[in-house]
Amino acid sequence: MKKFDNNYIPEQEILEEMWSEDDYQDEAEVDIRNLYENDKKGVYYSRQLCIKFEKKYYHWVTERTVRYLKDLGYLKLIIRKRKERGSINFYIHHSNRYPKRKINEIEKIINEYSEERISRSCGRQAEILFCLGLLKKGFRVIAEGAREFEGKKWEKTEHNFDFIFERDEIYYGCEIKNTLDYIDKDEFDIKIEMCEFFKIRPMFIMRFAPKTWIEQNNKKKGYCMIFETKIFELSQIELVEKIKNVLGLPVICSRGIPEGIIIRFENWHKRQKV
């Protein structure tokens, strides 16, 4: 690797993982360069790039590589300040002289799907659909928004479980995250710790997650259900089409969860012992 971006300071919790992934930065650099060489007028923002390559590289590997290419002068960084939710970092090819129109188009879509009402509706839609899918397979909702279970109360932090599910006397403390980003690592670790406290199994239902985090949960006899595509309410079909066609992000309006996702979990559940 030619150079490390000293401006990027990772969170302590994932530092060791990042060191172990440095070998992938050279590969990520090739892929990102190819992307821009094939479309020198292309405009991409940081989250979009991370998701575009997430099946090959962790988000933080792509992010660090993009910043490295910016430091080299291969990419230009254009920052758009927002009244709320910080700023958006756009990256363009160094030869791209007229990115403003495309940036404006992308920013408008980002602002639309980032609205609080949209984010909340996406979260609730995923909760409804996954609960229905699990209920059909005989899982019971024991509690919602819970931080108490069988006479014990979690008081170390203010966190709670989205749901506690049960079937065959096996209990799951479940977190459902219908977001483009990874779940916050601190929250991920805390939910596992909460499950250990209550002596139940950690269950995460997420669009995507690093494989090392999934393996961490597996070691705690937990399960990660990955569904890859962010779910929107049916009323948001026009917005979803814009997100797919303009940004190329994995989004969908859905009436239900693909049965295969639930069946894989059910089959795994059947192999477990109380």
Protein backbone atom coordinates (compact mmCIF):
# COMPACT_ATOMS: atom_id res chain seq x y z
CA MET A 1 0.00 0.00 0.00
CA LYS A 2 1.44 3.35 -1.04
CA LYS A 3 0.19 5.57 1.76
CA PHE A 4 -2.10 5.64 4.80
CA ASP A 5 -4.55 8.48 5.22
CA ASN A 6 -3.56 9.93 8.59
CA ASN A 7 -6.61 12.20 8.59
CA TYR A 8 -8.88 9.23 9.10
CA ILE A 9 -9.15 8.28 12.78
CA PRO A 10 -11.31 5.18 13.30
CA GLU A 11 -13.39 4.50 16.37
CA GLN A 12 -11.50 2.48 18.95
CA GLU A 13 -13.96 -0.40 18.76
CA ILE A 14 -13.12 -1.22 15.14
CA LEU A 15 -9.47 -0.18 15.05
CA GLU A 16 -8.08 -3.71 15.10
CA GLU A 17 -10.45 -4.78 12.35
CA MET A 18 -9.28 -1.88 10.19
CA TRP A 19 -5.61 -2.77 10.56
CA SER A 20 -6.39 -6.31 9.44
CA GLU A 21 -8.13 -5.00 6.33
CA ASP A 22 -5.34 -2.70 5.05
CA ASP A 23 -4.34 -5.25 2.43
CA TYR A 24 -7.67 -4.65 0.70
CA GLN A 25 -7.04 -0.95 0.14
CA ASP A 26 -4.95 -1.57 -2.98
CA GLU A 27 -7.75 -3.68 -4.45
CA ALA A 28 -10.34 -1.09 -3.52
CA GLU A 29 -8.23 1.61 -5.16
CA VAL A 30 -8.25 -0.29 -8.46
CA ASP A 31 -12.02 -0.72 -8.38
CA ILE A 32 -12.69 2.91 -7.51
CA ARG A 33 -10.31 4.17 -10.18
CA ASN A 34 -12.03 1.92 -12.75
CA LEU A 35 -15.40 3.33 -11.72
CA TYR A 36 -14.30 6.91 -12.34
CA GLU A 37 -12.27 6.14 -15.47
CA ASN A 38 -15.37 4.59 -17.04
CA ASP A 39 -17.45 7.64 -16.12
CA LYS A 40 -15.28 10.71 -15.63
CA LYS A 41 -18.36 12.91 -15.30
CA GLY A 42 -19.78 10.68 -12.59
CA VAL A 43 -20.66 12.14 -9.20
CA TYR A 44 -20.78 9.94 -6.12
CA TYR A 45 -21.11 10.67 -2.44
CA SER A 46 -19.27 8.75 0.25
CA ARG A 47 -22.09 6.54 1.53
CA GLN A 48 -23.06 5.66 -2.03
CA LEU A 49 -19.52 4.48 -2.79
CA CYS A 50 -19.35 2.44 0.41
CA ILE A 51 -22.60 0.64 -0.44
CA LYS A 52 -21.59 0.15 -4.07
CA PHE A 53 -18.57 -1.90 -3.03
CA GLU A 54 -19.83 -3.34 0.26
CA LYS A 55 -19.87 -6.96 -0.91
CA LYS A 56 -16.12 -6.72 -1.49
CA TYR A 57 -14.92 -4.21 1.10
CA TYR A 58 -15.99 -3.01 4.51
CA HIS A 59 -17.45 0.50 4.43
CA TRP A 60 -14.48 1.93 6.29
CA VAL A 61 -12.02 0.40 3.77
CA THR A 62 -13.83 2.09 0.86
CA GLU A 63 -14.11 5.36 2.78
CA ARG A 64 -10.42 5.39 3.62
CA THR A 65 -9.46 4.53 0.03
CA VAL A 66 -11.61 7.35 -1.36
CA ARG A 67 -9.95 9.82 1.01
CA TYR A 68 -6.56 8.52 -0.04
CA LEU A 69 -7.41 9.09 -3.73
CA LYS A 70 -8.55 12.60 -2.82
CA ASP A 71 -5.21 13.26 -1.08
CA LEU A 72 -3.43 12.06 -4.21
CA GLY A 73 -5.37 14.56 -6.30
CA TYR A 74 -7.08 11.85 -8.34
CA LEU A 75 -10.47 12.73 -6.86
CA LYS A 76 -11.87 16.09 -5.87
CA LEU A 77 -13.94 16.54 -2.74
CA ILE A 78 -16.96 18.83 -2.77
CA ILE A 79 -18.69 19.32 0.58
CA ARG A 80 -22.31 20.37 0.73
CA LYS A 81 -23.36 21.71 4.12
CA ARG A 82 -26.83 20.84 5.39
CA LYS A 83 -29.00 22.62 7.90
CA GLU A 84 -29.45 19.33 9.70
CA ARG A 85 -27.64 15.96 9.68
CA GLY A 86 -24.17 17.40 9.00
CA SER A 87 -22.81 17.55 5.45
CA ILE A 88 -22.54 15.44 2.30
CA ASN A 89 -19.13 14.61 0.83
CA PHE A 90 -19.22 14.33 -2.96
CA TYR A 91 -16.27 12.89 -4.89
CA ILE A 92 -15.65 13.60 -8.56
CA HIS A 93 -12.91 12.78 -11.07
CA HIS A 94 -10.20 15.44 -11.10
CA SER A 95 -11.06 16.31 -14.71
CA ASN A 96 -14.77 16.87 -14.03
CA ARG A 97 -15.29 20.63 -14.39
CA TYR A 98 -19.08 20.83 -14.31
CA PRO A 99 -20.49 18.63 -11.52
CA LYS A 100 -22.89 21.17 -10.00
CA ARG A 101 -26.06 20.10 -11.81
CA LYS A 102 -25.57 16.43 -10.92
CA ILE A 103 -24.69 17.27 -7.32
CA ASN A 104 -27.88 19.32 -7.00
CA GLU A 105 -29.95 16.41 -8.34
CA ILE A 106 -28.38 13.91 -5.95
CA GLU A 107 -28.57 16.24 -2.97
CA LYS A 108 -32.27 16.76 -3.54
CA ILE A 109 -32.92 13.02 -3.43
CA ILE A 110 -30.74 12.55 -0.34
CA ASN A 111 -32.61 15.30 1.48
CA GLU A 112 -35.91 13.70 0.53
CA TYR A 113 -35.13 10.18 1.72
CA SER A 114 -33.38 11.53 4.84
CA GLU A 115 -36.47 13.30 6.12
CA GLU A 116 -37.41 12.18 9.62
CA ARG A 117 -40.87 11.03 8.56
CA ILE A 118 -39.38 8.85 5.81
CA SER A 119 -36.73 7.33 8.08
CA ARG A 120 -39.29 6.55 10.75
CA SER A 121 -41.71 5.01 8.27
CA CYS A 122 -38.93 2.80 6.87
CA GLY A 123 -38.03 1.60 10.33
CA ARG A 124 -41.62 0.80 11.19
CA GLN A 125 -42.29 -0.88 7.85
CA ALA A 126 -39.40 -3.30 8.40
CA GLU A 127 -40.59 -4.05 11.94
CA ILE A 128 -44.10 -4.82 10.72
CA LEU A 129 -43.01 -7.03 7.83
CA PHE A 130 -40.43 -9.03 9.76
CA CYS A 131 -42.79 -9.52 12.69
CA LEU A 132 -45.45 -10.83 10.34
CA GLY A 133 -42.95 -13.15 8.68
CA LEU A 134 -41.81 -14.57 12.02
CA LEU A 135 -45.33 -14.89 13.39
CA LYS A 136 -46.27 -17.02 10.39
CA LYS A 137 -43.48 -19.41 11.36
CA GLY A 138 -44.69 -19.76 14.93
CA PHE A 139 -42.49 -17.22 16.69
CA ARG A 140 -44.21 -15.17 19.40
CA VAL A 141 -43.68 -11.52 20.29
CA ILE A 142 -43.03 -11.55 24.03
CA ALA A 143 -42.27 -7.84 24.37
CA GLU A 144 -41.70 -4.68 22.32
CA GLY A 145 -39.36 -1.83 23.28
CA ALA A 146 -38.21 -3.94 26.22
CA ARG A 147 -35.42 -3.47 28.72
CA GLU A 148 -36.97 -5.78 31.30
CA PHE A 149 -37.32 -9.54 31.09
CA GLU A 150 -38.36 -12.16 33.64
CA GLY A 151 -37.97 -9.83 36.60
CA LYS A 152 -34.62 -8.35 35.57
CA LYS A 153 -34.11 -4.79 34.30
CA TRP A 154 -31.24 -3.46 32.16
CA GLU A 155 -29.98 -0.25 33.77
CA LYS A 156 -26.42 0.06 32.51
CA THR A 157 -27.56 2.14 29.50
CA GLU A 158 -30.86 3.48 28.15
CA HIS A 159 -30.99 0.88 25.36
CA ASN A 160 -33.84 -1.55 24.84
CA PHE A 161 -34.75 -4.35 22.45
CA ASP A 162 -37.03 -3.65 19.52
CA PHE A 163 -38.64 -7.02 20.26
CA ILE A 164 -38.19 -10.17 22.27
CA PHE A 165 -39.27 -13.23 20.29
CA GLU A 166 -39.81 -16.80 21.49
CA ARG A 167 -40.34 -20.21 19.99
CA ASP A 168 -39.67 -23.65 21.45
CA GLU A 169 -38.60 -22.00 24.73
CA ILE A 170 -35.74 -20.19 22.98
CA TYR A 171 -35.81 -16.42 23.47
CA TYR A 172 -34.27 -13.79 21.19
CA GLY A 173 -33.48 -10.16 21.98
CA CYS A 174 -34.02 -8.62 18.55
CA GLU A 175 -32.84 -5.39 16.93
CA ILE A 176 -34.21 -4.44 13.49
CA LYS A 177 -32.17 -1.94 11.46
CA ASN A 178 -33.56 -0.92 8.09
CA THR A 179 -30.80 1.54 7.15
CA LEU A 180 -28.22 1.98 4.42
CA ASP A 181 -25.43 2.35 6.98
CA TYR A 182 -24.16 -0.33 9.33
CA ILE A 183 -25.67 -0.50 12.78
CA ASP A 184 -23.60 1.55 15.23
CA LYS A 185 -20.90 -0.77 16.62
CA ASP A 186 -21.40 0.45 20.20
CA GLU A 187 -25.10 -0.35 19.95
CA PHE A 188 -24.33 -3.74 18.43
CA ASP A 189 -22.02 -4.63 21.31
CA ILE A 190 -24.45 -3.34 23.93
CA LYS A 191 -27.32 -5.41 22.55
CA ILE A 192 -25.16 -8.53 22.73
CA GLU A 193 -24.23 -7.62 26.31
CA MET A 194 -27.91 -7.13 27.14
CA CYS A 195 -28.70 -10.60 25.83
CA GLU A 196 -25.96 -12.07 28.00
CA PHE A 197 -27.45 -10.22 30.98
CA PHE A 198 -30.92 -11.65 30.32
CA LYS A 199 -29.56 -15.06 29.22
CA ILE A 200 -31.30 -14.89 25.84
CA ARG A 201 -29.93 -15.02 22.30
CA PRO A 202 -28.97 -11.91 20.31
CA MET A 203 -30.78 -11.51 17.01
CA PHE A 204 -30.07 -8.74 14.53
CA ILE A 205 -32.22 -8.12 11.46
CA MET A 206 -30.18 -5.77 9.26
CA ARG A 207 -29.85 -4.70 5.68
CA PHE A 208 -26.11 -5.36 5.78
CA ALA A 209 -23.27 -5.82 8.27
CA PRO A 210 -19.53 -6.61 8.32
CA LYS A 211 -18.86 -10.33 8.36
CA THR A 212 -16.65 -9.98 11.44
CA TRP A 213 -19.60 -8.55 13.37
CA ILE A 214 -21.79 -11.42 12.18
CA GLU A 215 -19.15 -13.89 13.34
CA GLN A 216 -18.97 -12.11 16.70
CA ASN A 217 -22.71 -12.59 17.12
CA ASN A 218 -22.51 -16.23 15.99
CA LYS A 219 -20.07 -16.92 18.82
CA LYS A 220 -22.73 -15.71 21.25
CA LYS A 221 -25.19 -18.26 19.77
CA GLY A 222 -27.02 -15.44 18.04
CA TYR A 223 -28.33 -14.92 14.53
CA CYS A 224 -27.95 -12.13 11.97
CA MET A 225 -30.69 -11.96 9.37
CA ILE A 226 -29.37 -9.95 6.40
CA PHE A 227 -31.88 -8.65 3.85
CA GLU A 228 -29.56 -6.39 1.75
CA THR A 229 -32.22 -4.03 0.36
CA LYS A 230 -33.64 -1.11 2.35
CA ILE A 231 -37.42 -1.37 2.64
CA PHE A 232 -39.77 1.56 2.05
CA GLU A 233 -43.52 1.84 2.43
CA LEU A 234 -45.56 1.23 -0.71
CA SER A 235 -46.56 4.90 -0.75
CA GLN A 236 -42.92 5.85 -1.40
CA ILE A 237 -42.66 4.09 -4.80
CA GLU A 238 -41.77 7.29 -6.71
CA LEU A 239 -38.97 8.12 -4.27
CA VAL A 240 -37.69 4.55 -4.40
CA GLU A 241 -37.52 4.67 -8.21
CA LYS A 242 -35.45 7.87 -8.03
CA ILE A 243 -33.09 6.35 -5.47
CA LYS A 244 -32.60 3.25 -7.62
CA ASN A 245 -32.31 4.98 -11.00
CA VAL A 246 -30.22 8.00 -10.00
CA LEU A 247 -28.20 6.74 -7.04
CA GLY A 248 -28.14 3.01 -7.77
CA LEU A 249 -28.79 2.16 -4.13
CA PRO A 250 -30.45 -1.10 -2.99
CA VAL A 251 -33.99 -0.03 -2.07
CA ILE A 252 -37.43 -1.54 -2.55
CA CYS A 253 -41.11 -1.08 -1.78
CA SER A 254 -42.32 -4.42 -0.46
CA ARG A 255 -45.52 -6.03 0.78
CA GLY A 256 -43.64 -8.79 2.55
CA ILE A 257 -40.26 -10.33 3.34
CA PRO A 258 -38.99 -12.99 0.90
CA GLU A 259 -39.90 -16.30 2.49
CA GLY A 260 -36.40 -17.71 2.00
CA ILE A 261 -34.94 -15.19 4.47
CA ILE A 262 -37.35 -16.32 7.21
CA ILE A 263 -37.00 -20.02 6.34
CA ARG A 264 -33.20 -19.86 6.71
CA PHE A 265 -33.64 -18.49 10.21
CA GLU A 266 -36.31 -21.08 11.05
CA ASN A 267 -34.04 -23.90 9.91
CA TRP A 268 -31.18 -22.49 11.99
CA HIS A 269 -33.51 -22.15 14.98
CA LYS A 270 -34.54 -25.81 14.72
CA ARG A 271 -30.90 -26.85 15.06
CA GLN A 272 -30.47 -25.00 18.33
CA LYS A 273 -30.73 -26.50 21.79
CA VAL A 274 -32.30 -24.78 24.75
